[in-house]
Amino acid sequence: FDALQPADVVFFGGKGPRSKPTQVDHMGIALGNGWMIHSSRHGVALVALDGWYSKTFAWARRPLAEAGLLPNG
């Protein structure tokens, strides 16, 4: 959770890091500095990654890096 970087896709489930892929019920995109963007019943929203999000954080993926689309740095 502390190593999140902008553009990481973050996944949330009721069992937090013990959630299985089938238990993931929400996701968003990390923006950095403890914020993410996600879709909610109110539309697209910016939210702080705290409270419910920190308790149910399951894992993150870095698809841009995994696809080799980020410069080495």
PDB file of N, CA and C in Angstrom:
ATOM      1  N   PHE A   1       0.829  -1.197   0.000  1.00  0.00           N
ATOM      2  CA  PHE A   1       0.000   0.000   0.000  1.00  0.00           C
ATOM      3  C   PHE A   1       0.871   1.258   0.000  1.00  0.00           C
ATOM      4  N   ASP A   2       1.917   1.236   0.802  1.00  0.00           N
ATOM      5  CA  ASP A   2       2.794   2.403   0.899  1.00  0.00           C
ATOM      6  C   ASP A   2       3.648   2.618  -0.347  1.00  0.00           C
ATOM      7  N   ALA A   3       3.777   1.596  -1.185  1.00  0.00           N
ATOM      8  CA  ALA A   3       4.616   1.690  -2.382  1.00  0.00           C
ATOM      9  C   ALA A   3       3.830   2.065  -3.635  1.00  0.00           C
ATOM     10  N   LEU A   4       2.547   2.429  -3.488  1.00  0.00           N
ATOM     11  CA  LEU A   4       1.748   2.784  -4.659  1.00  0.00           C
ATOM     12  C   LEU A   4       2.351   3.963  -5.407  1.00  0.00           C
ATOM     13  N   GLN A   5       2.258   3.891  -6.727  1.00  0.00           N
ATOM     14  CA  GLN A   5       2.727   4.967  -7.591  1.00  0.00           C
ATOM     15  C   GLN A   5       1.589   5.392  -8.511  1.00  0.00           C
ATOM     16  N   PRO A   6       1.652   6.633  -9.042  1.00  0.00           N
ATOM     17  CA  PRO A   6       0.623   7.069  -9.988  1.00  0.00           C
ATOM     18  C   PRO A   6       0.487   6.070 -11.141  1.00  0.00           C
ATOM     19  N   ALA A   7      -0.734   5.821 -11.538  1.00  0.00           N
ATOM     20  CA  ALA A   7      -1.135   4.919 -12.622  1.00  0.00           C
ATOM     21  C   ALA A   7      -1.223   3.462 -12.191  1.00  0.00           C
ATOM     22  N   ASP A   8      -0.894   3.137 -10.925  1.00  0.00           N
ATOM     23  CA  ASP A   8      -1.105   1.774 -10.448  1.00  0.00           C
ATOM     24  C   ASP A   8      -2.604   1.514 -10.372  1.00  0.00           C
ATOM     25  N   VAL A   9      -3.011   0.333 -10.781  1.00  0.00           N
ATOM     26  CA  VAL A   9      -4.408  -0.070 -10.652  1.00  0.00           C
ATOM     27  C   VAL A   9      -4.534  -0.739  -9.287  1.00  0.00           C
ATOM     28  N   VAL A  10      -5.445  -0.232  -8.458  1.00  0.00           N
ATOM     29  CA  VAL A  10      -5.604  -0.734  -7.095  1.00  0.00           C
ATOM     30  C   VAL A  10      -6.911  -1.523  -6.987  1.00  0.00           C
ATOM     31  N   PHE A  11      -6.834  -2.629  -6.247  1.00  0.00           N
ATOM     32  CA  PHE A  11      -7.965  -3.543  -6.108  1.00  0.00           C
ATOM     33  C   PHE A  11      -8.341  -3.668  -4.637  1.00  0.00           C
ATOM     34  N   PHE A  12      -9.644  -3.787  -4.365  1.00  0.00           N
ATOM     35  CA  PHE A  12     -10.156  -3.843  -2.999  1.00  0.00           C
ATOM     36  C   PHE A  12     -11.104  -5.022  -2.851  1.00  0.00           C
ATOM     37  N   GLY A  13     -11.019  -5.673  -1.702  1.00  0.00           N
ATOM     38  CA  GLY A  13     -11.908  -6.785  -1.398  1.00  0.00           C
ATOM     39  C   GLY A  13     -12.164  -6.847   0.093  1.00  0.00           C
ATOM     40  N   GLY A  14     -13.238  -7.486   0.476  1.00  0.00           N
ATOM     41  CA  GLY A  14     -13.659  -7.545   1.869  1.00  0.00           C
ATOM     42  C   GLY A  14     -12.640  -8.154   2.818  1.00  0.00           C
ATOM     43  N   LYS A  15     -11.731  -8.968   2.302  1.00  0.00           N
ATOM     44  CA  LYS A  15     -10.711  -9.586   3.150  1.00  0.00           C
ATOM     45  C   LYS A  15      -9.354  -8.921   2.991  1.00  0.00           C
ATOM     46  N   GLY A  16      -9.341  -7.700   2.434  1.00  0.00           N
ATOM     47  CA  GLY A  16      -8.083  -6.975   2.262  1.00  0.00           C
ATOM     48  C   GLY A  16      -7.077  -7.803   1.482  1.00  0.00           C
ATOM     49  N   PRO A  17      -5.823  -7.858   1.943  1.00  0.00           N
ATOM     50  CA  PRO A  17      -4.798  -8.587   1.189  1.00  0.00           C
ATOM     51  C   PRO A  17      -5.037 -10.100   1.118  1.00  0.00           C
ATOM     52  N   ARG A  18      -5.936 -10.612   1.926  1.00  0.00           N
ATOM     53  CA  ARG A  18      -6.283 -12.043   1.865  1.00  0.00           C
ATOM     54  C   ARG A  18      -7.413 -12.310   0.870  1.00  0.00           C
ATOM     55  N   SER A  19      -7.913 -11.268   0.218  1.00  0.00           N
ATOM     56  CA  SER A  19      -8.991 -11.439  -0.761  1.00  0.00           C
ATOM     57  C   SER A  19      -8.511 -12.248  -1.949  1.00  0.00           C
ATOM     58  N   LYS A  20      -9.365 -13.129  -2.418  1.00  0.00           N
ATOM     59  CA  LYS A  20      -9.102 -13.869  -3.643  1.00  0.00           C
ATOM     60  C   LYS A  20      -9.588 -13.017  -4.810  1.00  0.00           C
ATOM     61  N   PRO A  21      -9.088 -13.274  -6.006  1.00  0.00           N
ATOM     62  CA  PRO A  21      -9.550 -12.480  -7.153  1.00  0.00           C
ATOM     63  C   PRO A  21     -11.067 -12.427  -7.281  1.00  0.00           C
ATOM     64  N   THR A  22     -11.765 -13.489  -6.962  1.00  0.00           N
ATOM     65  CA  THR A  22     -13.227 -13.489  -7.064  1.00  0.00           C
ATOM     66  C   THR A  22     -13.889 -12.641  -5.977  1.00  0.00           C
ATOM     67  N   GLN A  23     -13.127 -12.237  -4.964  1.00  0.00           N
ATOM     68  CA  GLN A  23     -13.672 -11.431  -3.871  1.00  0.00           C
ATOM     69  C   GLN A  23     -13.411  -9.941  -4.058  1.00  0.00           C
ATOM     70  N   VAL A  24     -12.681  -9.588  -5.095  1.00  0.00           N
ATOM     71  CA  VAL A  24     -12.443  -8.173  -5.378  1.00  0.00           C
ATOM     72  C   VAL A  24     -13.752  -7.556  -5.831  1.00  0.00           C
ATOM     73  N   ASP A  25     -14.148  -6.459  -5.178  1.00  0.00           N
ATOM     74  CA  ASP A  25     -15.423  -5.845  -5.530  1.00  0.00           C
ATOM     75  C   ASP A  25     -15.309  -4.371  -5.904  1.00  0.00           C
ATOM     76  N   HIS A  26     -14.074  -3.882  -5.970  1.00  0.00           N
ATOM     77  CA  HIS A  26     -13.895  -2.488  -6.354  1.00  0.00           C
ATOM     78  C   HIS A  26     -12.465  -2.290  -6.830  1.00  0.00           C
ATOM     79  N   MET A  27     -12.268  -1.301  -7.682  1.00  0.00           N
ATOM     80  CA  MET A  27     -10.928  -0.967  -8.147  1.00  0.00           C
ATOM     81  C   MET A  27     -10.865   0.503  -8.510  1.00  0.00           C
ATOM     82  N   GLY A  28      -9.661   1.006  -8.621  1.00  0.00           N
ATOM     83  CA  GLY A  28      -9.443   2.389  -9.004  1.00  0.00           C
ATOM     84  C   GLY A  28      -8.044   2.546  -9.567  1.00  0.00           C
ATOM     85  N   ILE A  29      -7.661   3.782  -9.829  1.00  0.00           N
ATOM     86  CA  ILE A  29      -6.330   4.088 -10.345  1.00  0.00           C
ATOM     87  C   ILE A  29      -5.674   5.070  -9.388  1.00  0.00           C
ATOM     88  N   ALA A  30      -4.503   4.682  -8.881  1.00  0.00           N
ATOM     89  CA  ALA A  30      -3.768   5.547  -7.950  1.00  0.00           C
ATOM     90  C   ALA A  30      -3.283   6.796  -8.680  1.00  0.00           C
ATOM     91  N   LEU A  31      -3.378   7.922  -7.991  1.00  0.00           N
ATOM     92  CA  LEU A  31      -2.923   9.190  -8.556  1.00  0.00           C
ATOM     93  C   LEU A  31      -1.651   9.702  -7.896  1.00  0.00           C
ATOM     94  N   GLY A  32      -1.302   9.114  -6.774  1.00  0.00           N
ATOM     95  CA  GLY A  32      -0.138   9.569  -6.010  1.00  0.00           C
ATOM     96  C   GLY A  32      -0.577  10.404  -4.825  1.00  0.00           C
ATOM     97  N   ASN A  33       0.328  10.581  -3.885  1.00  0.00           N
ATOM     98  CA  ASN A  33       0.070  11.379  -2.681  1.00  0.00           C
ATOM     99  C   ASN A  33      -1.180  10.933  -1.921  1.00  0.00           C
ATOM    100  N   GLY A  34      -1.467   9.604  -1.952  1.00  0.00           N
ATOM    101  CA  GLY A  34      -2.581   9.077  -1.176  1.00  0.00           C
ATOM    102  C   GLY A  34      -3.952   9.268  -1.789  1.00  0.00           C
ATOM    103  N   TRP A  35      -4.040   9.498  -3.090  1.00  0.00           N
ATOM    104  CA  TRP A  35      -5.324   9.713  -3.766  1.00  0.00           C
ATOM    105  C   TRP A  35      -5.504   8.726  -4.900  1.00  0.00           C
ATOM    106  N   MET A  36      -6.767   8.472  -5.247  1.00  0.00           N
ATOM    107  CA  MET A  36      -7.086   7.651  -6.416  1.00  0.00           C
ATOM    108  C   MET A  36      -8.327   8.214  -7.091  1.00  0.00           C
ATOM    109  N   ILE A  37      -8.530   7.774  -8.314  1.00  0.00           N
ATOM    110  CA  ILE A  37      -9.741   8.090  -9.059  1.00  0.00           C
ATOM    111  C   ILE A  37     -10.470   6.770  -9.267  1.00  0.00           C
ATOM    112  N   HIS A  38     -11.790   6.811  -9.159  1.00  0.00           N
ATOM    113  CA  HIS A  38     -12.576   5.591  -9.311  1.00  0.00           C
ATOM    114  C   HIS A  38     -13.995   5.961  -9.723  1.00  0.00           C
ATOM    115  N   SER A  39     -14.724   4.964 -10.124  1.00  0.00           N
ATOM    116  CA  SER A  39     -16.119   5.147 -10.471  1.00  0.00           C
ATOM    117  C   SER A  39     -16.973   4.784  -9.264  1.00  0.00           C
ATOM    118  N   SER A  40     -17.934   5.625  -8.966  1.00  0.00           N
ATOM    119  CA  SER A  40     -18.839   5.354  -7.847  1.00  0.00           C
ATOM    120  C   SER A  40     -20.272   5.534  -8.328  1.00  0.00           C
ATOM    121  N   ARG A  41     -21.214   5.273  -7.464  1.00  0.00           N
ATOM    122  CA  ARG A  41     -22.614   5.460  -7.851  1.00  0.00           C
ATOM    123  C   ARG A  41     -22.933   6.936  -8.111  1.00  0.00           C
ATOM    124  N   HIS A  42     -22.018   7.806  -7.707  1.00  0.00           N
ATOM    125  CA  HIS A  42     -22.187   9.242  -7.925  1.00  0.00           C
ATOM    126  C   HIS A  42     -21.436   9.728  -9.160  1.00  0.00           C
ATOM    127  N   GLY A  43     -20.783   8.804  -9.858  1.00  0.00           N
ATOM    128  CA  GLY A  43     -19.980   9.162 -11.019  1.00  0.00           C
ATOM    129  C   GLY A  43     -18.499   8.994 -10.713  1.00  0.00           C
ATOM    130  N   VAL A  44     -17.665   9.550 -11.545  1.00  0.00           N
ATOM    131  CA  VAL A  44     -16.221   9.463 -11.339  1.00  0.00           C
ATOM    132  C   VAL A  44     -15.851  10.388 -10.188  1.00  0.00           C
ATOM    133  N   ALA A  45     -15.009   9.868  -9.269  1.00  0.00           N
ATOM    134  CA  ALA A  45     -14.685  10.642  -8.076  1.00  0.00           C
ATOM    135  C   ALA A  45     -13.213  10.490  -7.709  1.00  0.00           C
ATOM    136  N   LEU A  46     -12.683  11.530  -7.098  1.00  0.00           N
ATOM    137  CA  LEU A  46     -11.358  11.490  -6.483  1.00  0.00           C
ATOM    138  C   LEU A  46     -11.559  11.223  -5.004  1.00  0.00           C
ATOM    139  N   VAL A  47     -10.811  10.273  -4.464  1.00  0.00           N
ATOM    140  CA  VAL A  47     -10.936   9.954  -3.047  1.00  0.00           C
ATOM    141  C   VAL A  47      -9.561   9.715  -2.447  1.00  0.00           C
ATOM    142  N   ALA A  48      -9.465  10.000  -1.151  1.00  0.00           N
ATOM    143  CA  ALA A  48      -8.239   9.695  -0.415  1.00  0.00           C
ATOM    144  C   ALA A  48      -8.193   8.194  -0.139  1.00  0.00           C
ATOM    145  N   LEU A  49      -7.015   7.629  -0.235  1.00  0.00           N
ATOM    146  CA  LEU A  49      -6.839   6.198   0.036  1.00  0.00           C
ATOM    147  C   LEU A  49      -6.671   5.984   1.540  1.00  0.00           C
ATOM    148  N   ASP A  50      -7.747   6.200   2.267  1.00  0.00           N
ATOM    149  CA  ASP A  50      -7.737   5.956   3.706  1.00  0.00           C
ATOM    150  C   ASP A  50      -9.067   5.336   4.099  1.00  0.00           C
ATOM    151  N   GLY A  51      -9.305   5.142   5.367  1.00  0.00           N
ATOM    152  CA  GLY A  51     -10.569   4.568   5.818  1.00  0.00           C
ATOM    153  C   GLY A  51     -10.850   3.225   5.184  1.00  0.00           C
ATOM    154  N   TRP A  52     -12.040   3.086   4.587  1.00  0.00           N
ATOM    155  CA  TRP A  52     -12.452   1.825   3.968  1.00  0.00           C
ATOM    156  C   TRP A  52     -11.416   1.348   2.961  1.00  0.00           C
ATOM    157  N   TYR A  53     -10.856   2.252   2.182  1.00  0.00           N
ATOM    158  CA  TYR A  53      -9.906   1.869   1.137  1.00  0.00           C
ATOM    159  C   TYR A  53      -8.629   1.282   1.723  1.00  0.00           C
ATOM    160  N   SER A  54      -8.118   1.836   2.804  1.00  0.00           N
ATOM    161  CA  SER A  54      -6.903   1.266   3.396  1.00  0.00           C
ATOM    162  C   SER A  54      -7.189  -0.071   4.072  1.00  0.00           C
ATOM    163  N   LYS A  55      -8.399  -0.243   4.618  1.00  0.00           N
ATOM    164  CA  LYS A  55      -8.748  -1.493   5.296  1.00  0.00           C
ATOM    165  C   LYS A  55      -9.023  -2.634   4.324  1.00  0.00           C
ATOM    166  N   THR A  56      -9.519  -2.320   3.139  1.00  0.00           N
ATOM    167  CA  THR A  56      -9.899  -3.369   2.189  1.00  0.00           C
ATOM    168  C   THR A  56      -8.940  -3.469   0.996  1.00  0.00           C
ATOM    169  N   PHE A  57      -7.834  -2.728   1.034  1.00  0.00           N
ATOM    170  CA  PHE A  57      -6.853  -2.793  -0.052  1.00  0.00           C
ATOM    171  C   PHE A  57      -6.358  -4.227  -0.196  1.00  0.00           C
ATOM    172  N   ALA A  58      -6.518  -4.798  -1.371  1.00  0.00           N
ATOM    173  CA  ALA A  58      -6.100  -6.179  -1.617  1.00  0.00           C
ATOM    174  C   ALA A  58      -4.709  -6.220  -2.265  1.00  0.00           C
ATOM    175  N   TRP A  59      -4.555  -5.542  -3.388  1.00  0.00           N
ATOM    176  CA  TRP A  59      -3.267  -5.490  -4.075  1.00  0.00           C
ATOM    177  C   TRP A  59      -3.332  -4.434  -5.155  1.00  0.00           C
ATOM    178  N   ALA A  60      -2.196  -4.218  -5.799  1.00  0.00           N
ATOM    179  CA  ALA A  60      -2.117  -3.271  -6.913  1.00  0.00           C
ATOM    180  C   ALA A  60      -1.298  -3.908  -8.025  1.00  0.00           C
ATOM    181  N   ARG A  61      -1.520  -3.433  -9.207  1.00  0.00           N
ATOM    182  CA  ARG A  61      -0.731  -3.858 -10.364  1.00  0.00           C
ATOM    183  C   ARG A  61      -0.203  -2.603 -11.036  1.00  0.00           C
ATOM    184  N   ARG A  62       0.917  -2.738 -11.697  1.00  0.00           N
ATOM    185  CA  ARG A  62       1.545  -1.630 -12.392  1.00  0.00           C
ATOM    186  C   ARG A  62       1.582  -1.970 -13.883  1.00  0.00           C
ATOM    187  N   PRO A  63       0.415  -1.886 -14.548  1.00  0.00           N
ATOM    188  CA  PRO A  63       0.344  -2.378 -15.929  1.00  0.00           C
ATOM    189  C   PRO A  63       1.247  -1.654 -16.912  1.00  0.00           C
ATOM    190  N   LEU A  64       1.486  -0.366 -16.733  1.00  0.00           N
ATOM    191  CA  LEU A  64       2.378   0.332 -17.659  1.00  0.00           C
ATOM    192  C   LEU A  64       3.795  -0.220 -17.583  1.00  0.00           C
ATOM    193  N   ALA A  65       4.268  -0.469 -16.362  1.00  0.00           N
ATOM    194  CA  ALA A  65       5.607  -1.049 -16.185  1.00  0.00           C
ATOM    195  C   ALA A  65       5.630  -2.494 -16.692  1.00  0.00           C
ATOM    196  N   GLU A  66       4.579  -3.247 -16.372  1.00  0.00           N
ATOM    197  CA  GLU A  66       4.531  -4.643 -16.811  1.00  0.00           C
ATOM    198  C   GLU A  66       4.538  -4.774 -18.327  1.00  0.00           C
ATOM    199  N   ALA A  67       3.989  -3.775 -19.015  1.00  0.00           N
ATOM    200  CA  ALA A  67       3.961  -3.779 -20.480  1.00  0.00           C
ATOM    201  C   ALA A  67       5.219  -3.167 -21.082  1.00  0.00           C
ATOM    202  N   GLY A  68       6.148  -2.710 -20.225  1.00  0.00           N
ATOM    203  CA  GLY A  68       7.380  -2.101 -20.720  1.00  0.00           C
ATOM    204  C   GLY A  68       7.178  -0.710 -21.277  1.00  0.00           C
ATOM    205  N   LEU A  69       6.150  -0.004 -20.821  1.00  0.00           N
ATOM    206  CA  LEU A  69       5.830   1.314 -21.373  1.00  0.00           C
ATOM    207  C   LEU A  69       6.359   2.473 -20.537  1.00  0.00           C
ATOM    208  N   LEU A  70       7.092   2.187 -19.467  1.00  0.00           N
ATOM    209  CA  LEU A  70       7.674   3.245 -18.650  1.00  0.00           C
ATOM    210  C   LEU A  70       9.169   3.305 -18.904  1.00  0.00           C
ATOM    211  N   PRO A  71       9.737   4.509 -18.929  1.00  0.00           N
ATOM    212  CA  PRO A  71      11.185   4.612 -19.112  1.00  0.00           C
ATOM    213  C   PRO A  71      11.922   4.067 -17.889  1.00  0.00           C
ATOM    214  N   ASN A  72      13.088   3.543 -18.113  1.00  0.00           N
ATOM    215  CA  ASN A  72      13.899   3.077 -16.974  1.00  0.00           C
ATOM    216  C   ASN A  72      14.362   4.297 -16.205  1.00  0.00           C
ATOM    217  N   GLY A  73      14.328   4.199 -14.919  1.00  0.00           N
ATOM    218  CA  GLY A  73      14.712   5.391 -14.196  1.00  0.00           C
ATOM    219  C   GLY A  73      15.117   5.090 -12.842  1.00  0.00           C
TER     220      GLY A  73
END
